[in-house]
Amino acid sequence: MKIGNSPEGSGSSTKVEQRPAARKPESSGSSDIARTPTTSAPAPSTQVAISSTAKLAASAAGSDDGSFDAAKVDRIAKAISEGKFTINAKAIADKLVSNAQELLDARANKH
């Protein structure tokens, strides 16, 4: 038995039949990506809950209640540039403590 190309290639039992590739259905878009049939959306696997604090922060960030005082900003900027601006550390500390107490109270009422 000879190994190699045989002149009788068409009669060989090991010949592999080649078929034309199946054509993809043409899509209306220009994408060549095969599309799967549309099915209903799967059920969500994760529940997301937004905390009341996050809702409050989002509403505060998106609200325009007119609390911006351009004249006050100008006065402060002028005082800073002239070196006359002073910081009231006691007022800042009082406000921080007050805000912390509000957050703790809100948390205590939640539980």
N, C-alpha and C. Protein backbone atom coordinates (compact mmCIF):
# COMPACT_ATOMS: atom_id res chain seq x y z
N MET A 1 0.85 -1.16 0.00
CA MET A 1 0.00 0.00 0.00
C MET A 1 0.90 1.22 0.00
N LYS A 2 0.56 2.19 -0.84
CA LYS A 2 1.32 3.41 -0.99
C LYS A 2 0.71 4.51 -0.16
N ILE A 3 1.53 5.30 0.52
CA ILE A 3 1.05 6.45 1.27
C ILE A 3 1.37 7.70 0.47
N GLY A 4 0.40 8.58 0.34
CA GLY A 4 0.61 9.81 -0.42
C GLY A 4 -0.61 10.12 -1.25
N ASN A 5 -0.43 11.02 -2.20
CA ASN A 5 -1.55 11.40 -3.06
C ASN A 5 -1.80 10.32 -4.08
N SER A 6 -3.00 9.89 -4.16
CA SER A 6 -3.38 8.85 -5.11
C SER A 6 -4.05 9.50 -6.31
N PRO A 7 -3.75 9.04 -7.50
CA PRO A 7 -4.44 9.57 -8.67
C PRO A 7 -5.93 9.23 -8.65
N GLU A 8 -6.30 8.27 -7.82
CA GLU A 8 -7.70 7.87 -7.74
C GLU A 8 -8.40 8.60 -6.58
N GLY A 9 -8.14 9.87 -6.38
CA GLY A 9 -8.65 10.63 -5.24
C GLY A 9 -10.16 10.61 -5.14
N SER A 10 -10.88 10.56 -6.23
CA SER A 10 -12.33 10.63 -6.16
C SER A 10 -12.92 9.33 -5.66
N GLY A 11 -12.24 8.22 -5.80
CA GLY A 11 -12.77 6.93 -5.38
C GLY A 11 -12.33 6.56 -3.98
N SER A 12 -11.56 7.37 -3.32
CA SER A 12 -11.03 7.05 -2.01
C SER A 12 -12.14 7.11 -0.96
N SER A 13 -12.09 6.19 0.00
CA SER A 13 -13.11 6.17 1.05
C SER A 13 -12.86 7.21 2.14
N THR A 14 -11.67 7.83 2.13
CA THR A 14 -11.37 8.83 3.16
C THR A 14 -11.60 10.26 2.67
N LYS A 15 -12.19 10.42 1.52
CA LYS A 15 -12.43 11.75 0.99
C LYS A 15 -13.47 12.47 1.85
N VAL A 16 -13.18 13.72 2.16
CA VAL A 16 -14.08 14.52 2.97
C VAL A 16 -14.97 15.34 2.05
N GLU A 17 -16.26 15.23 2.27
CA GLU A 17 -17.19 15.98 1.45
C GLU A 17 -17.28 17.41 1.98
N GLN A 18 -17.13 18.37 1.12
CA GLN A 18 -17.21 19.77 1.53
C GLN A 18 -18.56 20.33 1.12
N ARG A 19 -19.19 20.93 2.09
CA ARG A 19 -20.49 21.55 1.84
C ARG A 19 -20.34 23.06 1.96
N PRO A 20 -21.13 23.80 1.22
CA PRO A 20 -21.04 25.25 1.37
C PRO A 20 -21.53 25.65 2.76
N ALA A 21 -20.91 26.68 3.31
CA ALA A 21 -21.29 27.16 4.64
C ALA A 21 -22.72 27.69 4.60
N ALA A 22 -23.42 27.45 5.69
CA ALA A 22 -24.79 27.94 5.77
C ALA A 22 -24.78 29.46 5.81
N ARG A 23 -25.68 30.07 5.07
CA ARG A 23 -25.75 31.54 5.04
C ARG A 23 -26.49 32.05 6.26
N LYS A 24 -25.96 33.12 6.81
CA LYS A 24 -26.64 33.78 7.92
C LYS A 24 -27.76 34.62 7.34
N PRO A 25 -28.87 34.70 8.05
CA PRO A 25 -29.93 35.58 7.56
C PRO A 25 -29.44 37.02 7.61
N GLU A 26 -29.78 37.77 6.58
CA GLU A 26 -29.33 39.16 6.53
C GLU A 26 -30.14 39.98 7.50
N SER A 27 -29.44 40.82 8.27
CA SER A 27 -30.12 41.67 9.24
C SER A 27 -30.32 43.04 8.62
N SER A 28 -31.21 43.82 9.21
CA SER A 28 -31.47 45.15 8.70
C SER A 28 -30.34 46.11 9.03
N GLY A 29 -29.55 45.80 10.07
CA GLY A 29 -28.44 46.65 10.47
C GLY A 29 -27.19 46.31 9.71
N SER A 30 -26.13 47.05 9.96
CA SER A 30 -24.88 46.81 9.27
C SER A 30 -23.96 45.89 10.06
N SER A 31 -24.41 45.40 11.20
CA SER A 31 -23.58 44.57 12.05
C SER A 31 -23.51 43.15 11.52
N ASP A 32 -22.33 42.54 11.62
CA ASP A 32 -22.15 41.16 11.21
C ASP A 32 -22.34 40.18 12.36
N ILE A 33 -22.72 40.67 13.53
CA ILE A 33 -22.88 39.84 14.70
C ILE A 33 -24.17 39.04 14.56
N ALA A 34 -24.08 37.74 14.81
CA ALA A 34 -25.27 36.91 14.76
C ALA A 34 -26.19 37.29 15.89
N ARG A 35 -27.44 37.45 15.59
CA ARG A 35 -28.41 37.88 16.60
C ARG A 35 -29.23 36.68 17.05
N THR A 36 -29.51 36.65 18.34
CA THR A 36 -30.35 35.60 18.87
C THR A 36 -31.79 36.07 18.82
N PRO A 37 -32.71 35.16 18.75
CA PRO A 37 -34.11 35.57 18.72
C PRO A 37 -34.46 36.33 20.00
N THR A 38 -35.32 37.31 19.85
CA THR A 38 -35.69 38.10 21.02
C THR A 38 -36.58 37.28 21.93
N THR A 39 -36.29 37.37 23.20
CA THR A 39 -37.08 36.69 24.22
C THR A 39 -37.41 37.70 25.30
N SER A 40 -38.25 37.34 26.19
CA SER A 40 -38.56 38.26 27.28
C SER A 40 -37.35 38.43 28.17
N ALA A 41 -37.26 39.59 28.81
CA ALA A 41 -36.12 39.89 29.67
C ALA A 41 -36.09 38.95 30.86
N PRO A 42 -34.89 38.52 31.27
CA PRO A 42 -34.81 37.63 32.43
C PRO A 42 -35.20 38.38 33.70
N ALA A 43 -35.61 37.63 34.67
CA ALA A 43 -35.98 38.23 35.94
C ALA A 43 -34.74 38.83 36.60
N PRO A 44 -34.86 39.99 37.25
CA PRO A 44 -33.69 40.57 37.90
C PRO A 44 -33.15 39.66 38.99
N SER A 45 -31.84 39.59 39.06
CA SER A 45 -31.23 38.71 40.06
C SER A 45 -30.80 39.47 41.30
N THR A 46 -30.87 40.80 41.25
CA THR A 46 -30.43 41.62 42.37
C THR A 46 -31.45 42.69 42.66
N GLN A 47 -31.72 42.90 43.92
CA GLN A 47 -32.61 43.97 44.36
C GLN A 47 -31.75 45.14 44.81
N VAL A 48 -32.11 46.34 44.43
CA VAL A 48 -31.37 47.53 44.82
C VAL A 48 -32.32 48.42 45.61
N ALA A 49 -31.87 48.86 46.77
CA ALA A 49 -32.66 49.78 47.59
C ALA A 49 -31.84 51.02 47.87
N ILE A 50 -32.45 52.16 47.70
CA ILE A 50 -31.76 53.42 47.96
C ILE A 50 -32.14 53.90 49.35
N SER A 51 -31.14 54.17 50.15
CA SER A 51 -31.40 54.60 51.53
C SER A 51 -32.02 55.98 51.56
N SER A 52 -32.64 56.28 52.68
CA SER A 52 -33.26 57.60 52.82
C SER A 52 -32.20 58.70 52.81
N THR A 53 -31.02 58.40 53.32
CA THR A 53 -29.93 59.38 53.31
C THR A 53 -29.50 59.68 51.88
N ALA A 54 -29.41 58.63 51.05
CA ALA A 54 -29.03 58.83 49.65
C ALA A 54 -30.10 59.61 48.91
N LYS A 55 -31.37 59.33 49.21
CA LYS A 55 -32.46 60.08 48.58
C LYS A 55 -32.40 61.54 48.97
N LEU A 56 -32.11 61.80 50.25
CA LEU A 56 -32.02 63.16 50.74
C LEU A 56 -30.85 63.89 50.07
N ALA A 57 -29.72 63.22 49.95
CA ALA A 57 -28.55 63.83 49.32
C ALA A 57 -28.82 64.11 47.84
N ALA A 58 -29.50 63.19 47.17
CA ALA A 58 -29.81 63.38 45.75
C ALA A 58 -30.78 64.54 45.55
N SER A 59 -31.76 64.64 46.43
CA SER A 59 -32.71 65.73 46.29
C SER A 59 -32.06 67.07 46.61
N ALA A 60 -31.14 67.08 47.55
CA ALA A 60 -30.45 68.33 47.90
C ALA A 60 -29.52 68.75 46.78
N ALA A 61 -28.89 67.80 46.13
CA ALA A 61 -27.95 68.12 45.06
C ALA A 61 -28.67 68.63 43.83
N GLY A 62 -29.87 68.16 43.60
CA GLY A 62 -30.60 68.55 42.40
C GLY A 62 -31.54 69.71 42.61
N SER A 63 -31.67 70.20 43.82
CA SER A 63 -32.64 71.27 44.06
C SER A 63 -31.98 72.63 43.86
N ASP A 64 -32.79 73.56 43.40
CA ASP A 64 -32.32 74.93 43.23
C ASP A 64 -33.27 75.80 44.02
N ASP A 65 -33.00 75.92 45.31
CA ASP A 65 -33.90 76.65 46.19
C ASP A 65 -33.52 78.12 46.31
N GLY A 66 -32.58 78.58 45.52
CA GLY A 66 -32.20 79.98 45.56
C GLY A 66 -31.34 80.34 46.75
N SER A 67 -30.73 79.36 47.41
CA SER A 67 -29.94 79.65 48.60
C SER A 67 -28.55 80.20 48.28
N PHE A 68 -28.18 80.25 47.02
CA PHE A 68 -26.88 80.80 46.64
C PHE A 68 -26.96 82.31 46.70
N ASP A 69 -26.06 82.89 47.44
CA ASP A 69 -26.03 84.34 47.63
C ASP A 69 -24.76 84.89 47.00
N ALA A 70 -24.87 85.40 45.77
CA ALA A 70 -23.71 85.88 45.04
C ALA A 70 -23.05 87.06 45.75
N ALA A 71 -23.84 87.92 46.37
CA ALA A 71 -23.27 89.08 47.06
C ALA A 71 -22.41 88.63 48.23
N LYS A 72 -22.88 87.60 48.95
CA LYS A 72 -22.11 87.08 50.09
C LYS A 72 -20.79 86.48 49.61
N VAL A 73 -20.85 85.74 48.50
CA VAL A 73 -19.63 85.15 47.94
C VAL A 73 -18.65 86.25 47.56
N ASP A 74 -19.15 87.31 46.95
CA ASP A 74 -18.27 88.43 46.58
C ASP A 74 -17.63 89.08 47.81
N ARG A 75 -18.43 89.25 48.87
CA ARG A 75 -17.89 89.85 50.12
C ARG A 75 -16.79 88.97 50.71
N ILE A 76 -17.04 87.65 50.72
CA ILE A 76 -16.05 86.73 51.28
C ILE A 76 -14.79 86.72 50.42
N ALA A 77 -14.95 86.70 49.10
CA ALA A 77 -13.80 86.69 48.20
C ALA A 77 -12.97 87.95 48.37
N LYS A 78 -13.65 89.08 48.53
CA LYS A 78 -12.94 90.34 48.73
C LYS A 78 -12.18 90.33 50.05
N ALA A 79 -12.84 89.82 51.12
CA ALA A 79 -12.18 89.76 52.43
C ALA A 79 -10.97 88.84 52.38
N ILE A 80 -11.07 87.73 51.67
CA ILE A 80 -9.93 86.80 51.56
C ILE A 80 -8.79 87.49 50.82
N SER A 81 -9.10 88.14 49.71
CA SER A 81 -8.03 88.78 48.92
C SER A 81 -7.36 89.92 49.67
N GLU A 82 -8.12 90.57 50.57
CA GLU A 82 -7.55 91.66 51.36
C GLU A 82 -6.89 91.16 52.66
N GLY A 83 -7.01 89.87 52.92
CA GLY A 83 -6.42 89.31 54.13
C GLY A 83 -7.22 89.60 55.39
N LYS A 84 -8.48 89.95 55.24
CA LYS A 84 -9.32 90.32 56.39
C LYS A 84 -10.32 89.23 56.77
N PHE A 85 -10.32 88.12 56.06
CA PHE A 85 -11.30 87.06 56.32
C PHE A 85 -10.87 86.25 57.54
N THR A 86 -11.78 86.11 58.49
CA THR A 86 -11.49 85.30 59.68
C THR A 86 -12.46 84.13 59.73
N ILE A 87 -11.98 83.04 60.28
CA ILE A 87 -12.79 81.83 60.39
C ILE A 87 -13.26 81.70 61.83
N ASN A 88 -14.57 81.47 61.99
CA ASN A 88 -15.15 81.28 63.31
C ASN A 88 -15.19 79.77 63.58
N ALA A 89 -14.15 79.25 64.19
CA ALA A 89 -14.03 77.81 64.44
C ALA A 89 -15.15 77.29 65.33
N LYS A 90 -15.61 78.10 66.28
CA LYS A 90 -16.69 77.67 67.17
C LYS A 90 -17.98 77.45 66.38
N ALA A 91 -18.29 78.34 65.46
CA ALA A 91 -19.51 78.20 64.66
C ALA A 91 -19.44 76.95 63.78
N ILE A 92 -18.27 76.70 63.21
CA ILE A 92 -18.10 75.51 62.36
C ILE A 92 -18.25 74.24 63.21
N ALA A 93 -17.64 74.21 64.38
CA ALA A 93 -17.73 73.04 65.26
C ALA A 93 -19.18 72.81 65.70
N ASP A 94 -19.88 73.90 66.06
CA ASP A 94 -21.28 73.77 66.47
C ASP A 94 -22.14 73.18 65.34
N LYS A 95 -21.91 73.63 64.12
CA LYS A 95 -22.69 73.13 62.98
C LYS A 95 -22.37 71.66 62.70
N LEU A 96 -21.10 71.27 62.82
CA LEU A 96 -20.72 69.87 62.62
C LEU A 96 -21.39 68.97 63.66
N VAL A 97 -21.38 69.40 64.91
CA VAL A 97 -22.01 68.62 65.97
C VAL A 97 -23.51 68.51 65.73
N SER A 98 -24.12 69.61 65.32
CA SER A 98 -25.56 69.62 65.05
C SER A 98 -25.91 68.66 63.91
N ASN A 99 -25.13 68.69 62.84
CA ASN A 99 -25.38 67.77 61.71
C ASN A 99 -25.18 66.32 62.11
N ALA A 100 -24.16 66.05 62.91
CA ALA A 100 -23.92 64.68 63.38
C ALA A 100 -25.08 64.20 64.24
N GLN A 101 -25.59 65.08 65.10
CA GLN A 101 -26.73 64.71 65.95
C GLN A 101 -27.97 64.41 65.11
N GLU A 102 -28.21 65.19 64.07
CA GLU A 102 -29.35 64.95 63.18
C GLU A 102 -29.23 63.58 62.51
N LEU A 103 -28.04 63.24 62.04
CA LEU A 103 -27.83 61.94 61.40
C LEU A 103 -28.03 60.79 62.39
N LEU A 104 -27.53 60.95 63.61
CA LEU A 104 -27.69 59.91 64.62
C LEU A 104 -29.16 59.74 65.00
N ASP A 105 -29.89 60.85 65.12
CA ASP A 105 -31.31 60.78 65.43
C ASP A 105 -32.09 60.09 64.32
N ALA A 106 -31.77 60.42 63.09
CA ALA A 106 -32.44 59.79 61.95
C ALA A 106 -32.16 58.31 61.91
N ARG A 107 -30.95 57.92 62.24
CA ARG A 107 -30.56 56.51 62.25
C ARG A 107 -31.28 55.77 63.37
N ALA A 108 -31.39 56.41 64.54
CA ALA A 108 -32.06 55.79 65.68
C ALA A 108 -33.55 55.60 65.39
N ASN A 109 -34.16 56.54 64.71
CA ASN A 109 -35.59 56.43 64.38
C ASN A 109 -35.85 55.39 63.31
N LYS A 110 -34.85 55.10 62.50
CA LYS A 110 -34.97 54.12 61.43
C LYS A 110 -35.04 52.70 62.00
N HIS A 111 -34.32 52.42 63.08
CA HIS A 111 -34.24 51.07 63.64
C HIS A 111 -35.32 50.81 64.61
